[in-house]
Protein backbone atom coordinates (compact mmCIF):
# COMPACT_ATOMS: atom_id res chain seq x y z
CA UNK A 1 16.04 15.96 27.42
CA UNK A 2 14.14 19.09 26.49
CA UNK A 3 14.18 18.15 22.80
CA UNK A 4 12.78 14.68 23.55
CA UNK A 5 9.97 16.13 25.69
CA UNK A 6 8.95 18.55 22.95
CA UNK A 7 8.95 15.69 20.43
CA UNK A 8 6.69 13.62 22.70
CA UNK A 9 4.32 16.57 23.18
CA UNK A 10 4.20 17.13 19.41
CA UNK A 11 3.37 13.45 18.78
CA UNK A 12 0.61 13.52 21.40
CA UNK A 13 -0.88 16.66 19.86
CA UNK A 14 -0.77 15.14 16.39
CA UNK A 15 -2.44 11.93 17.54
CA UNK A 16 -5.11 13.63 19.65
CA UNK A 17 -7.53 14.65 16.85
CA UNK A 18 -7.64 11.10 15.49
CA UNK A 19 -8.32 9.66 18.91
CA UNK A 20 -11.39 11.84 19.47
CA UNK A 21 -13.01 11.67 16.00
CA UNK A 22 -16.00 9.64 17.23
CA UNK A 23 -18.23 11.98 19.18
CA UNK A 24 -19.90 10.86 22.43
CA UNK A 25 -23.39 11.29 20.94
CA UNK A 26 -22.52 8.77 18.20
CA UNK A 27 -21.62 5.93 20.54
CA UNK A 28 -24.16 3.12 20.73
CA UNK A 29 -25.42 1.95 24.14
CA UNK A 30 -24.69 -1.73 23.34
CA UNK A 31 -20.90 -2.26 23.63
CA UNK A 32 -20.95 -5.24 21.24
CA UNK A 33 -22.69 -3.24 18.53
CA UNK A 34 -20.41 -0.27 19.18
CA UNK A 35 -17.35 -2.51 18.73
CA UNK A 36 -18.81 -3.74 15.40
CA UNK A 37 -19.44 -0.14 14.34
CA UNK A 38 -15.86 0.87 15.21
CA UNK A 39 -14.44 -2.12 13.33
CA UNK A 40 -16.50 -1.25 10.26
CA UNK A 41 -15.58 2.43 10.55
CA UNK A 42 -11.89 1.51 10.40
CA UNK A 43 -12.50 -0.25 7.06
CA UNK A 44 -14.28 2.69 5.40
CA UNK A 45 -12.56 5.60 3.68
CA UNK A 46 -13.44 9.18 4.46
CA UNK A 47 -14.48 10.62 1.09
CA UNK A 48 -13.13 14.04 2.10
CA UNK A 49 -9.79 13.02 3.67
CA UNK A 50 -9.38 10.02 1.33
CA UNK A 51 -6.48 8.34 3.15
CA UNK A 52 -8.15 8.28 6.55
CA UNK A 53 -10.80 5.99 7.86
CA UNK A 54 -14.12 7.49 8.91
CA UNK A 55 -13.24 6.36 12.43
CA UNK A 56 -10.25 8.75 12.43
CA UNK A 57 -11.73 11.65 10.49
CA UNK A 58 -13.39 14.76 11.88
CA UNK A 59 -15.01 15.66 8.53
CA UNK A 60 -18.80 16.13 8.60
CA UNK A 61 -19.22 13.49 5.87
CA UNK A 62 -17.26 11.00 7.98
CA UNK A 63 -19.60 11.71 10.89
CA UNK A 64 -22.60 11.10 8.60
CA UNK A 65 -21.09 7.80 7.46
CA UNK A 66 -20.39 6.73 11.05
CA UNK A 67 -24.02 7.47 11.94
CA UNK A 68 -25.21 5.58 8.87
CA UNK A 69 -23.11 2.55 9.85
CA UNK A 70 -24.62 2.66 13.35
CA UNK A 71 -28.15 2.98 11.93
CA UNK A 72 -27.64 -0.08 9.72
CA UNK A 73 -26.22 -2.08 12.64
CA UNK A 74 -29.14 -1.02 14.85
CA UNK A 75 -31.51 -2.15 12.07
CA UNK A 76 -29.99 -5.63 12.31
CA UNK A 77 -27.71 -5.66 9.25
CA UNK A 78 -24.63 -7.88 9.30
CA UNK A 79 -21.17 -6.42 8.68
CA UNK A 80 -21.18 -7.58 5.07
CA UNK A 81 -24.64 -6.11 4.50
CA UNK A 82 -23.50 -2.75 5.86
CA UNK A 83 -20.43 -2.79 3.61
CA UNK A 84 -22.49 -3.87 0.60
CA UNK A 85 -24.96 -1.04 1.26
CA UNK A 86 -22.19 1.56 1.43
CA UNK A 87 -20.43 0.18 -1.66
CA UNK A 88 -23.71 0.28 -3.59
CA UNK A 89 -24.22 3.88 -2.50
CA UNK A 90 -20.66 5.28 -2.78
CA UNK A 91 -18.75 2.76 -4.93
CA UNK A 92 -15.72 0.58 -4.17
CA UNK A 93 -13.69 3.69 -3.34
CA UNK A 94 -15.38 3.86 0.07
CA UNK A 95 -13.45 0.74 1.15
CA UNK A 96 -9.93 1.37 2.47
CA UNK A 97 -9.02 -2.20 1.55
CA UNK A 98 -10.61 -3.04 -1.82
CA UNK A 99 -12.15 -6.46 -2.31
CA UNK A 100 -10.32 -9.05 -4.42
CA UNK A 101 -12.49 -9.17 -7.54
CA UNK A 102 -11.95 -9.23 -11.28
CA UNK A 103 -11.96 -5.42 -11.44
CA UNK A 104 -9.37 -5.05 -8.66
CA UNK A 105 -7.16 -8.00 -9.60
CA UNK A 106 -4.50 -5.75 -11.16
CA UNK A 107 -4.46 -3.59 -8.04
CA UNK A 108 -3.84 -6.62 -5.84
CA UNK A 109 -1.38 -8.42 -8.11
CA UNK A 110 0.71 -5.50 -9.40
CA UNK A 111 2.87 -5.14 -6.27
CA UNK A 112 3.76 -8.86 -6.02
CA UNK A 113 4.45 -8.98 -9.76
CA UNK A 114 6.75 -5.96 -9.53
CA UNK A 115 8.49 -7.49 -6.53
CA UNK A 116 8.97 -10.79 -8.38
CA UNK A 117 10.24 -8.94 -11.47
CA UNK A 118 12.74 -7.00 -9.36
CA UNK A 119 13.89 -10.21 -7.69
CA UNK A 120 14.33 -11.85 -11.09
CA UNK A 121 16.34 -8.85 -12.36
CA UNK A 122 18.58 -8.99 -9.27
CA UNK A 123 19.05 -12.74 -9.72
CA UNK A 124 20.05 -12.26 -13.38
CA UNK A 125 22.46 -9.47 -12.49
CA UNK A 126 24.08 -11.60 -9.79
CA UNK A 127 24.42 -14.49 -12.26
CA UNK A 128 26.15 -12.18 -14.74
CA UNK A 129 28.50 -10.81 -12.10
CA UNK A 130 29.23 -14.38 -10.95
CA UNK A 131 30.48 -15.17 -14.44
CA UNK A 132 33.18 -12.56 -13.95
CA UNK A 133 35.98 -14.02 -11.86
CA UNK A 134 36.36 -13.25 -8.17
CA UNK A 135 39.40 -11.08 -8.95
CA UNK A 136 37.39 -9.04 -11.49
CA UNK A 137 38.87 -10.63 -14.60
CA UNK A 138 36.77 -11.77 -17.52
CA UNK A 139 36.84 -15.41 -18.62
CA UNK A 140 39.34 -16.04 -21.46
CA UNK A 141 38.23 -15.36 -25.04
CA UNK A 142 37.24 -18.25 -27.26
CA UNK A 143 39.28 -18.78 -30.47
CA UNK A 144 36.45 -17.23 -32.55
CA UNK A 145 36.38 -14.15 -30.30
CA UNK A 146 40.17 -13.84 -30.50
CA UNK A 147 40.03 -13.97 -34.33
CA UNK A 148 37.29 -11.30 -34.46
CA UNK A 149 39.24 -9.08 -32.05
CA UNK A 150 42.41 -9.42 -34.12
CA UNK A 151 40.47 -8.52 -37.28
CA UNK A 152 38.91 -5.47 -35.64
CA UNK A 153 42.23 -4.28 -34.27
CA UNK A 154 43.97 -4.67 -37.63
CA UNK A 155 41.15 -2.72 -39.33
CA UNK A 156 41.45 0.00 -36.69
CA UNK A 157 45.25 0.21 -37.12
CA UNK A 158 44.92 0.39 -40.93
CA UNK A 159 42.41 3.25 -40.79
CA UNK A 160 44.78 5.45 -38.75
């Protein structure tokens, strides 16, 4: 019981910094615009933390980006305009989920291609193992294979 309680406390302490990354002075007065800002912040990468969204990061640059997102929303920009502005300023790397374009096609298609290749390799291996009998025996040799085996064995016996 004590071990489980300490694990729960540790998880709460680890999750606490991410929950309070957005400071109270950043929050917009309009709840609809604030919800849009939070949604956009979850899609943007913190350039310092790199695998965290700016919504979860406490880094000063993440705060600046959150404020910039809110400024653009307050100016009347749509979500796509805000994202386009940030991509133009910081590059595609600022997006946690890259767009599907010609430049990112390999990034998007590599995982499914590897998965399909692995599935094909497993299918081929199962076909090969299916050719071996259920009791583990090989299918009988053809007459040509028997003749080649006899020739190889007689050559081997003669060389000893």
